[in-house]
Amino acid sequence: MKAMETREAQNDDVHARPERRIAWLTLLLGGVAAVGVAVSVSRRAGVGVLVGTLLAWVNLRWLQQALDALVHLAAAQAGNPHPRVSIWVYIKFFARYVLIGLVLYVMVSRFGIPLLSLFGGLFALGAATMAESIYEVFARPDRG
């Protein structure tokens, strides 16, 4: 029993570490890009990249929290033919799209932030995910 609990804890850690790296890499890569864009293009464009990066990070966090809640609920209600899922799980899962849309609208319409720079910031999550994937392939060849 103890060995099984240890194996589950190790498995959780194996998945949690890459998720944490993706989260901080998103902020790091987006922050560096925001500074670069602010210096080379304009401050407004740099702010757009930074806001897009923060939205990408919030999107990732809310998605992780919603999926973690679903996994815990599924495990807790295993064997139940009609599992109950809290409305907050659904709200957090779909509200991230509403938040992104509202912030993009306000930033473009009220503050004149270039939409392309906001999208560039949102791509920081994809860049962080690619960087983490490359790290996992080359730095961790023991995984198969």
C-alpha atoms as a PDB file:
ATOM      1  CA  MET A   1       0.000   0.000   0.000  1.00  0.00           C
ATOM      2  CA  LYS A   2       2.807   2.383   0.918  1.00  0.00           C
ATOM      3  CA  ALA A   3       4.659   1.660  -2.354  1.00  0.00           C
ATOM      4  CA  MET A   4       1.518   2.447  -4.355  1.00  0.00           C
ATOM      5  CA  GLU A   5       1.079   5.784  -2.576  1.00  0.00           C
ATOM      6  CA  THR A   6       4.741   6.614  -3.217  1.00  0.00           C
ATOM      7  CA  ARG A   7       4.371   5.735  -6.908  1.00  0.00           C
ATOM      8  CA  GLU A   8       1.263   7.951  -7.191  1.00  0.00           C
ATOM      9  CA  ALA A   9       3.097  10.841  -5.501  1.00  0.00           C
ATOM     10  CA  GLN A  10       6.029  10.425  -7.896  1.00  0.00           C
ATOM     11  CA  ASN A  11       3.646  10.311 -10.865  1.00  0.00           C
ATOM     12  CA  ASP A  12       1.946  13.512  -9.677  1.00  0.00           C
ATOM     13  CA  ASP A  13       5.348  15.185  -9.299  1.00  0.00           C
ATOM     14  CA  VAL A  14       6.446  14.034 -12.773  1.00  0.00           C
ATOM     15  CA  HIS A  15       3.449  15.864 -14.243  1.00  0.00           C
ATOM     16  CA  ALA A  16       3.480  18.836 -11.870  1.00  0.00           C
ATOM     17  CA  ARG A  17       7.075  19.872 -12.578  1.00  0.00           C
ATOM     18  CA  PRO A  18       6.578  20.384 -16.334  1.00  0.00           C
ATOM     19  CA  GLU A  19       3.327  22.251 -15.653  1.00  0.00           C
ATOM     20  CA  ARG A  20       5.129  24.584 -13.246  1.00  0.00           C
ATOM     21  CA  ARG A  21       7.939  25.119 -15.753  1.00  0.00           C
ATOM     22  CA  ILE A  22       5.444  25.941 -18.501  1.00  0.00           C
ATOM     23  CA  ALA A  23       3.750  28.469 -16.201  1.00  0.00           C
ATOM     24  CA  TRP A  24       6.935  30.360 -15.334  1.00  0.00           C
ATOM     25  CA  LEU A  25       8.334  30.023 -18.853  1.00  0.00           C
ATOM     26  CA  THR A  26       5.145  31.648 -20.155  1.00  0.00           C
ATOM     27  CA  LEU A  27       5.726  34.652 -17.922  1.00  0.00           C
ATOM     28  CA  LEU A  28       9.468  34.758 -18.631  1.00  0.00           C
ATOM     29  CA  LEU A  29       9.251  34.479 -22.423  1.00  0.00           C
ATOM     30  CA  GLY A  30       6.290  36.856 -22.601  1.00  0.00           C
ATOM     31  CA  GLY A  31       7.999  39.379 -20.335  1.00  0.00           C
ATOM     32  CA  VAL A  32      11.178  39.325 -22.391  1.00  0.00           C
ATOM     33  CA  ALA A  33       9.142  39.668 -25.586  1.00  0.00           C
ATOM     34  CA  ALA A  34       7.157  42.557 -24.077  1.00  0.00           C
ATOM     35  CA  VAL A  35      10.340  44.453 -23.227  1.00  0.00           C
ATOM     36  CA  GLY A  36      11.753  43.785 -26.685  1.00  0.00           C
ATOM     37  CA  VAL A  37       8.572  44.956 -28.403  1.00  0.00           C
ATOM     38  CA  ALA A  38       8.308  48.031 -26.164  1.00  0.00           C
ATOM     39  CA  VAL A  39      11.864  49.036 -27.063  1.00  0.00           C
ATOM     40  CA  SER A  40      11.742  48.222 -30.769  1.00  0.00           C
ATOM     41  CA  VAL A  41       8.111  49.006 -31.719  1.00  0.00           C
ATOM     42  CA  SER A  42       6.199  51.050 -29.137  1.00  0.00           C
ATOM     43  CA  ARG A  43       5.212  51.097 -25.491  1.00  0.00           C
ATOM     44  CA  ARG A  44       1.587  50.350 -26.395  1.00  0.00           C
ATOM     45  CA  ALA A  45       2.623  47.272 -28.340  1.00  0.00           C
ATOM     46  CA  GLY A  46       4.840  46.175 -25.432  1.00  0.00           C
ATOM     47  CA  VAL A  47       1.923  46.580 -23.031  1.00  0.00           C
ATOM     48  CA  GLY A  48      -0.185  44.514 -25.426  1.00  0.00           C
ATOM     49  CA  VAL A  49       2.337  41.679 -25.387  1.00  0.00           C
ATOM     50  CA  LEU A  50       2.533  41.843 -21.590  1.00  0.00           C
ATOM     51  CA  VAL A  51      -1.268  41.811 -21.163  1.00  0.00           C
ATOM     52  CA  GLY A  52      -1.557  38.938 -23.654  1.00  0.00           C
ATOM     53  CA  THR A  53       1.092  37.035 -21.718  1.00  0.00           C
ATOM     54  CA  LEU A  54      -0.760  37.535 -18.438  1.00  0.00           C
ATOM     55  CA  LEU A  55      -3.989  36.361 -20.082  1.00  0.00           C
ATOM     56  CA  ALA A  56      -2.207  33.257 -21.375  1.00  0.00           C
ATOM     57  CA  TRP A  57      -0.898  32.542 -17.876  1.00  0.00           C
ATOM     58  CA  VAL A  58      -4.346  32.998 -16.280  1.00  0.00           C
ATOM     59  CA  ASN A  59      -5.809  30.772 -18.987  1.00  0.00           C
ATOM     60  CA  LEU A  60      -3.278  28.060 -18.158  1.00  0.00           C
ATOM     61  CA  ARG A  61      -3.863  28.305 -14.401  1.00  0.00           C
ATOM     62  CA  TRP A  62      -7.654  28.169 -14.702  1.00  0.00           C
ATOM     63  CA  LEU A  63      -7.456  25.257 -17.113  1.00  0.00           C
ATOM     64  CA  GLN A  64      -5.135  23.375 -14.733  1.00  0.00           C
ATOM     65  CA  GLN A  65      -7.433  24.047 -11.783  1.00  0.00           C
ATOM     66  CA  ALA A  66     -10.556  22.963 -13.661  1.00  0.00           C
ATOM     67  CA  LEU A  67      -8.933  19.771 -14.931  1.00  0.00           C
ATOM     68  CA  ASP A  68      -7.490  18.955 -11.493  1.00  0.00           C
ATOM     69  CA  ALA A  69     -10.958  19.380  -9.994  1.00  0.00           C
ATOM     70  CA  LEU A  70     -12.456  17.086 -12.636  1.00  0.00           C
ATOM     71  CA  VAL A  71      -9.817  14.424 -11.981  1.00  0.00           C
ATOM     72  CA  HIS A  72     -10.402  14.577  -8.219  1.00  0.00           C
ATOM     73  CA  LEU A  73     -14.173  14.430  -8.671  1.00  0.00           C
ATOM     74  CA  ALA A  74     -13.875  11.490 -11.029  1.00  0.00           C
ATOM     75  CA  ALA A  75     -11.661   9.606  -8.580  1.00  0.00           C
ATOM     76  CA  ALA A  76     -13.907  10.415  -5.618  1.00  0.00           C
ATOM     77  CA  GLN A  77     -17.050   9.355  -7.448  1.00  0.00           C
ATOM     78  CA  ALA A  78     -15.652   6.275  -9.171  1.00  0.00           C
ATOM     79  CA  GLY A  79     -18.402   3.736  -9.747  1.00  0.00           C
ATOM     80  CA  ASN A  80     -21.177   6.316  -9.385  1.00  0.00           C
ATOM     81  CA  PRO A  81     -23.390   6.161 -12.503  1.00  0.00           C
ATOM     82  CA  HIS A  82     -24.296   9.866 -12.186  1.00  0.00           C
ATOM     83  CA  PRO A  83     -21.271  11.766 -10.898  1.00  0.00           C
ATOM     84  CA  ARG A  84     -21.889  15.316  -9.747  1.00  0.00           C
ATOM     85  CA  VAL A  85     -19.678  18.109 -11.008  1.00  0.00           C
ATOM     86  CA  SER A  86     -19.778  21.500  -9.331  1.00  0.00           C
ATOM     87  CA  ILE A  87     -21.008  24.402 -11.440  1.00  0.00           C
ATOM     88  CA  TRP A  88     -17.800  26.242 -10.462  1.00  0.00           C
ATOM     89  CA  VAL A  89     -15.734  23.700 -12.376  1.00  0.00           C
ATOM     90  CA  TYR A  90     -17.716  24.473 -15.525  1.00  0.00           C
ATOM     91  CA  ILE A  91     -17.555  28.204 -14.878  1.00  0.00           C
ATOM     92  CA  LYS A  92     -13.788  28.157 -14.415  1.00  0.00           C
ATOM     93  CA  PHE A  93     -13.370  25.944 -17.468  1.00  0.00           C
ATOM     94  CA  PHE A  94     -15.321  28.251 -19.814  1.00  0.00           C
ATOM     95  CA  ALA A  95     -14.940  31.650 -18.099  1.00  0.00           C
ATOM     96  CA  ARG A  96     -11.340  31.875 -19.243  1.00  0.00           C
ATOM     97  CA  TYR A  97     -12.551  32.386 -22.822  1.00  0.00           C
ATOM     98  CA  VAL A  98     -14.966  35.090 -21.710  1.00  0.00           C
ATOM     99  CA  LEU A  99     -12.204  36.806 -19.728  1.00  0.00           C
ATOM    100  CA  ILE A 100      -9.810  36.741 -22.674  1.00  0.00           C
ATOM    101  CA  GLY A 101     -12.458  38.107 -25.035  1.00  0.00           C
ATOM    102  CA  LEU A 102     -13.490  40.906 -22.677  1.00  0.00           C
ATOM    103  CA  VAL A 103      -9.930  41.976 -21.916  1.00  0.00           C
ATOM    104  CA  LEU A 104      -9.002  41.947 -25.610  1.00  0.00           C
ATOM    105  CA  TYR A 105     -12.062  44.049 -26.446  1.00  0.00           C
ATOM    106  CA  VAL A 106     -11.378  46.601 -23.699  1.00  0.00           C
ATOM    107  CA  MET A 107      -7.670  46.848 -24.456  1.00  0.00           C
ATOM    108  CA  VAL A 108      -8.261  47.458 -28.170  1.00  0.00           C
ATOM    109  CA  SER A 109     -11.375  49.658 -27.992  1.00  0.00           C
ATOM    110  CA  ARG A 110     -10.601  51.732 -24.886  1.00  0.00           C
ATOM    111  CA  PHE A 111      -6.814  51.857 -24.687  1.00  0.00           C
ATOM    112  CA  GLY A 112      -5.797  51.560 -28.331  1.00  0.00           C
ATOM    113  CA  ILE A 113      -3.529  48.581 -27.758  1.00  0.00           C
ATOM    114  CA  PRO A 114      -2.675  46.826 -31.048  1.00  0.00           C
ATOM    115  CA  LEU A 115      -4.578  43.561 -31.360  1.00  0.00           C
ATOM    116  CA  LEU A 116      -1.589  41.856 -32.964  1.00  0.00           C
ATOM    117  CA  SER A 117       0.554  42.562 -29.898  1.00  0.00           C
ATOM    118  CA  LEU A 118      -2.124  41.076 -27.617  1.00  0.00           C
ATOM    119  CA  PHE A 119      -2.170  37.943 -29.763  1.00  0.00           C
ATOM    120  CA  GLY A 120       1.615  37.861 -29.636  1.00  0.00           C
ATOM    121  CA  GLY A 121       1.440  37.788 -25.849  1.00  0.00           C
ATOM    122  CA  LEU A 122      -1.119  34.993 -25.938  1.00  0.00           C
ATOM    123  CA  PHE A 123       1.357  32.963 -28.002  1.00  0.00           C
ATOM    124  CA  ALA A 124       3.805  33.025 -25.065  1.00  0.00           C
ATOM    125  CA  LEU A 125       2.009  29.953 -23.705  1.00  0.00           C
ATOM    126  CA  GLY A 126       2.662  28.077 -26.942  1.00  0.00           C
ATOM    127  CA  ALA A 127       6.296  29.156 -26.941  1.00  0.00           C
ATOM    128  CA  ALA A 128       6.688  28.022 -23.326  1.00  0.00           C
ATOM    129  CA  THR A 129       5.084  24.689 -24.128  1.00  0.00           C
ATOM    130  CA  MET A 130       7.437  24.170 -27.071  1.00  0.00           C
ATOM    131  CA  ALA A 131      10.450  25.099 -24.921  1.00  0.00           C
ATOM    132  CA  GLU A 132       9.349  22.630 -22.239  1.00  0.00           C
ATOM    133  CA  SER A 133       8.857  19.918 -24.856  1.00  0.00           C
ATOM    134  CA  ILE A 134      12.343  20.461 -26.209  1.00  0.00           C
ATOM    135  CA  TYR A 135      13.712  20.332 -22.662  1.00  0.00           C
ATOM    136  CA  GLU A 136      11.884  17.060 -21.989  1.00  0.00           C
ATOM    137  CA  VAL A 137      13.215  15.490 -25.200  1.00  0.00           C
ATOM    138  CA  PHE A 138      16.861  16.485 -24.812  1.00  0.00           C
ATOM    139  CA  ALA A 139      17.398  16.871 -21.072  1.00  0.00           C
ATOM    140  CA  ARG A 140      15.267  13.922 -19.978  1.00  0.00           C
ATOM    141  CA  PRO A 141      16.044  11.064 -22.411  1.00  0.00           C
ATOM    142  CA  ASP A 142      15.365   8.485 -19.663  1.00  0.00           C
ATOM    143  CA  ARG A 143      11.623   8.900 -20.139  1.00  0.00           C
ATOM    144  CA  GLY A 144      10.086   6.645 -22.670  1.00  0.00           C
END
